[in-house]
Amino acid sequence: MLYMVYGVDGPDADRIRDENRESHFAYLADNEDILVLGGATLADGSDARTGSLLVINVPSRAHADTFAAGEPFNKAGLFESYTVSRMRRGQWNPEAAPASSEGS
């Protein structure tokens, strides 16, 4: 089952992100077998980060909640709000979204 894990940045997000970036990427690497898509959400008028979106493929809601609870940015309090929602894959066209050269 697919789940969307969506966090909206809270106060002091830049500092918290900087302090936890390495553990965040290590966590994603440790969970690459379930990670479908991930990236920062950005402001409309700039490349300023506003949050984070991860799409994971896990067997149950309990697995999704466990993943979300262990995610280092979430654990560090980076997000003002954090949502885990089950989703269904509709359209799928990864070629329409080439990878960016920017890091998270």
Protein backbone atom coordinates (compact mmCIF):
# COMPACT_ATOMS: atom_id res chain seq x y z
CA MET A 1 0.00 0.00 0.00
CA LEU A 2 1.16 3.50 -0.76
CA TYR A 3 1.28 6.17 1.93
CA MET A 4 2.06 9.87 1.64
CA VAL A 5 4.09 11.27 4.52
CA TYR A 6 3.83 15.07 4.41
CA GLY A 7 5.40 17.57 6.77
CA VAL A 8 4.99 21.35 6.80
CA ASP A 9 8.01 23.22 8.18
CA GLY A 10 7.71 24.86 11.56
CA PRO A 11 9.71 27.62 13.20
CA ASP A 12 13.48 27.20 13.08
CA ALA A 13 13.18 24.60 10.32
CA ASP A 14 16.40 25.62 8.57
CA ARG A 15 18.50 25.04 11.69
CA ILE A 16 16.77 21.75 12.53
CA ARG A 17 17.12 20.55 8.93
CA ASP A 18 20.83 21.41 8.86
CA GLU A 19 21.46 19.61 12.17
CA ASN A 20 19.62 16.44 11.06
CA ARG A 21 20.32 16.27 7.31
CA GLU A 22 22.84 13.41 7.52
CA SER A 23 20.61 11.23 9.70
CA HIS A 24 17.62 12.01 7.44
CA PHE A 25 19.47 10.82 4.33
CA ALA A 26 20.85 7.78 6.18
CA TYR A 27 17.28 6.89 7.25
CA LEU A 28 16.06 7.19 3.66
CA ALA A 29 18.96 5.02 2.46
CA ASP A 30 18.15 2.42 5.14
CA ASN A 31 14.55 2.41 3.88
CA GLU A 32 15.20 2.66 0.15
CA ASP A 33 13.31 -0.59 -0.42
CA ILE A 34 10.03 1.14 0.55
CA LEU A 35 10.75 4.69 -0.67
CA VAL A 36 8.87 5.45 -3.90
CA LEU A 37 9.40 9.20 -4.09
CA GLY A 38 10.74 11.88 -1.80
CA GLY A 39 11.63 15.52 -1.85
CA ALA A 40 11.32 18.96 -0.35
CA THR A 41 8.28 21.11 -0.98
CA LEU A 42 9.19 24.62 -2.13
CA ALA A 43 7.75 28.13 -2.01
CA ASP A 44 6.12 29.32 -5.23
CA GLY A 45 8.38 32.34 -5.70
CA SER A 46 11.71 30.82 -4.69
CA ASP A 47 13.54 27.62 -3.85
CA ALA A 48 12.91 28.16 -0.13
CA ARG A 49 11.91 24.88 1.50
CA THR A 50 8.43 24.74 3.01
CA GLY A 51 8.25 21.07 3.99
CA SER A 52 8.83 17.50 2.92
CA LEU A 53 6.91 14.85 1.01
CA LEU A 54 7.72 11.14 1.01
CA VAL A 55 5.73 8.40 -0.70
CA ILE A 56 6.37 4.94 0.73
CA ASN A 57 5.12 1.46 -0.11
CA VAL A 58 4.46 -0.60 3.03
CA PRO A 59 2.09 -3.44 3.99
CA SER A 60 -0.03 -1.53 6.51
CA ARG A 61 -0.88 1.71 8.28
CA ALA A 62 1.09 0.49 11.28
CA HIS A 63 4.21 0.19 9.11
CA ALA A 64 3.64 3.69 7.70
CA ASP A 65 3.23 5.15 11.18
CA THR A 66 6.39 3.39 12.37
CA PHE A 67 8.35 4.77 9.42
CA ALA A 68 6.99 8.28 10.03
CA ALA A 69 7.71 8.16 13.76
CA GLY A 70 11.34 7.18 13.08
CA GLU A 71 12.00 9.77 10.39
CA PRO A 72 14.78 12.03 11.78
CA PHE A 73 13.32 15.37 10.66
CA ASN A 74 10.02 14.45 12.30
CA LYS A 75 11.72 13.20 15.47
CA ALA A 76 13.73 16.43 15.69
CA GLY A 77 10.57 18.57 15.63
CA LEU A 78 11.19 20.17 12.24
CA PHE A 79 7.53 20.08 11.21
CA GLU A 80 4.66 22.27 12.35
CA SER A 81 2.26 19.63 11.04
CA TYR A 82 2.84 16.06 9.90
CA THR A 83 0.35 13.89 8.03
CA VAL A 84 0.41 10.22 7.05
CA SER A 85 -2.26 9.36 4.47
CA ARG A 86 -2.97 6.21 2.52
CA MET A 87 -3.14 6.82 -1.20
CA ARG A 88 -3.79 5.03 -4.46
CA ARG A 89 -1.47 5.28 -7.42
CA GLY A 90 -3.32 6.84 -10.30
CA GLN A 91 -1.25 8.20 -13.12
CA TRP A 92 2.39 7.21 -13.16
CA ASN A 93 4.81 9.00 -15.45
CA PRO A 94 8.23 9.37 -13.79
CA GLU A 95 9.79 10.51 -17.08
CA ALA A 96 7.79 13.75 -16.76
CA ALA A 97 9.62 14.61 -13.51
CA PRO A 98 13.37 14.44 -14.05
CA ALA A 99 15.52 14.45 -10.95
CA SER A 100 16.67 17.82 -9.74
CA SER A 101 20.34 18.53 -9.17
CA GLU A 102 19.52 20.05 -5.74
CA GLY A 103 19.79 18.18 -2.44
CA SER A 104 17.13 18.25 0.29
